[in-house]
């Protein structure tokens, strides 16, 4: 990896005119392409960092920290608790539905009784 870094650094210095160009055009072209690719990766990485910072996350490390926090929070709630609570809600919905039906019958009865009085 160090060899690639050194080669990329030499090509960058040549492009900036800080060192004379090497004789091998093929090597220079290949290294320039590697440099372009490395620069593209660096730009992408910086863009990802910027996008994460825009939403208040400190880069990849921040994403990993958020993931760890989410896992920790989810580990505190068991699947059986979720299932039991869901069942409780279903029972409550059924009870409320039965109560609504009773109120509808009471309302109809009240209308009938009031109609008889007039």
Protein backbone atom coordinates (compact mmCIF):
# COMPACT_ATOMS: atom_id res chain seq x y z
CA UNK A 1 0.00 0.00 0.00
CA UNK A 2 2.90 2.32 0.76
CA UNK A 3 4.26 1.80 -2.77
CA UNK A 4 0.94 2.89 -4.25
CA UNK A 5 0.82 5.91 -1.98
CA UNK A 6 4.39 6.87 -2.92
CA UNK A 7 3.65 6.44 -6.63
CA UNK A 8 0.48 8.53 -6.34
CA UNK A 9 2.38 11.21 -4.45
CA UNK A 10 5.08 11.31 -7.19
CA UNK A 11 2.46 11.65 -9.92
CA UNK A 12 0.71 14.41 -7.96
CA UNK A 13 4.03 16.25 -7.52
CA UNK A 14 4.72 15.91 -11.26
CA UNK A 15 1.27 17.23 -12.09
CA UNK A 16 1.91 20.21 -9.83
CA UNK A 17 5.32 20.75 -11.47
CA UNK A 18 7.31 20.13 -8.31
CA UNK A 19 9.37 17.26 -9.79
CA UNK A 20 10.45 16.40 -13.35
CA UNK A 21 8.29 13.89 -15.24
CA UNK A 22 9.46 10.30 -15.52
CA UNK A 23 10.44 8.79 -18.86
CA UNK A 24 7.90 5.95 -18.93
CA UNK A 25 4.73 7.40 -20.49
CA UNK A 26 2.85 4.15 -19.87
CA UNK A 27 3.78 4.17 -16.19
CA UNK A 28 2.86 7.81 -15.89
CA UNK A 29 -0.53 7.23 -17.59
CA UNK A 30 -1.27 4.27 -15.35
CA UNK A 31 -0.24 6.20 -12.25
CA UNK A 32 -2.25 9.22 -13.34
CA UNK A 33 -5.31 6.99 -13.73
CA UNK A 34 -4.69 5.55 -10.27
CA UNK A 35 -4.41 9.09 -8.93
CA UNK A 36 -7.69 10.09 -10.60
CA UNK A 37 -9.39 7.07 -9.07
CA UNK A 38 -7.91 7.79 -5.65
CA UNK A 39 -9.04 11.41 -5.91
CA UNK A 40 -12.54 10.28 -6.89
CA UNK A 41 -12.66 7.98 -3.86
CA UNK A 42 -11.43 10.78 -1.63
CA UNK A 43 -14.07 13.18 -3.00
CA UNK A 44 -16.77 10.56 -2.44
CA UNK A 45 -15.55 9.95 1.10
CA UNK A 46 -15.57 13.69 1.84
CA UNK A 47 -19.07 13.97 0.36
CA UNK A 48 -20.34 11.11 2.52
CA UNK A 49 -18.77 12.77 5.59
CA UNK A 50 -20.45 16.07 4.67
CA UNK A 51 -23.85 14.43 4.16
CA UNK A 52 -23.58 12.70 7.51
CA UNK A 53 -22.54 15.94 9.19
CA UNK A 54 -25.57 17.66 7.61
CA UNK A 55 -27.82 15.38 9.68
CA UNK A 56 -25.71 15.65 12.82
CA UNK A 57 -23.77 12.39 12.54
CA UNK A 58 -20.01 12.42 12.93
CA UNK A 59 -18.97 10.31 9.94
CA UNK A 60 -18.79 6.53 9.80
CA UNK A 61 -17.81 6.39 13.46
CA UNK A 62 -20.95 8.34 14.31
CA UNK A 63 -23.07 5.93 12.29
CA UNK A 64 -21.52 2.99 14.11
CA UNK A 65 -22.16 4.68 17.46
CA UNK A 66 -25.79 5.26 16.52
CA UNK A 67 -26.08 1.63 15.47
CA UNK A 68 -24.63 0.49 18.81
CA UNK A 69 -27.05 2.75 20.68
CA UNK A 70 -29.99 1.42 18.68
CA UNK A 71 -28.92 -2.18 19.31
CA UNK A 72 -28.55 -1.44 23.02
CA UNK A 73 -32.01 0.12 23.16
CA UNK A 74 -33.60 -2.74 21.22
CA UNK A 75 -31.88 -5.33 23.43
CA UNK A 76 -33.71 -3.84 26.43
CA UNK A 77 -37.10 -4.76 24.94
CA UNK A 78 -37.82 -8.46 24.60
CA UNK A 79 -39.81 -10.03 21.79
CA UNK A 80 -42.21 -11.54 24.36
CA UNK A 81 -42.92 -8.05 25.76
CA UNK A 82 -43.75 -6.78 22.29
CA UNK A 83 -45.99 -9.77 21.58
CA UNK A 84 -47.79 -9.46 24.93
CA UNK A 85 -48.35 -5.72 24.50
CA UNK A 86 -49.66 -6.26 20.98
CA UNK A 87 -52.11 -8.84 22.32
CA UNK A 88 -53.18 -6.41 25.07
CA UNK A 89 -53.88 -3.76 22.44
CA UNK A 90 -55.91 -6.26 20.39
CA UNK A 91 -58.02 -7.05 23.51
CA UNK A 92 -58.49 -3.35 24.21
CA UNK A 93 -59.59 -2.71 20.62
CA UNK A 94 -62.10 -5.57 20.88
CA UNK A 95 -63.44 -4.23 24.19
CA UNK A 96 -63.77 -0.71 22.76
CA UNK A 97 -65.55 -2.09 19.73
CA UNK A 98 -68.03 -3.96 21.93
CA UNK A 99 -68.57 -0.78 23.99
CA UNK A 100 -69.23 1.20 20.80
CA UNK A 101 -71.79 -1.40 19.71
CA UNK A 102 -73.51 -1.15 23.13
CA UNK A 103 -73.60 2.64 22.86
CA UNK A 104 -75.07 2.39 19.35
CA UNK A 105 -77.84 0.09 20.70
CA UNK A 106 -78.46 2.45 23.63
CA UNK A 107 -78.71 5.38 21.23
CA UNK A 108 -81.22 3.51 19.05
CA UNK A 109 -83.25 2.54 22.11
CA UNK A 110 -83.26 6.15 23.36
CA UNK A 111 -84.51 7.35 19.95
CA UNK A 112 -87.26 4.73 20.02
CA UNK A 113 -88.37 5.68 23.55
CA UNK A 114 -88.32 9.39 22.75
CA UNK A 115 -90.38 8.73 19.63
CA UNK A 116 -93.02 6.97 21.71
CA UNK A 117 -93.33 9.93 24.08
CA UNK A 118 -94.24 12.37 21.34
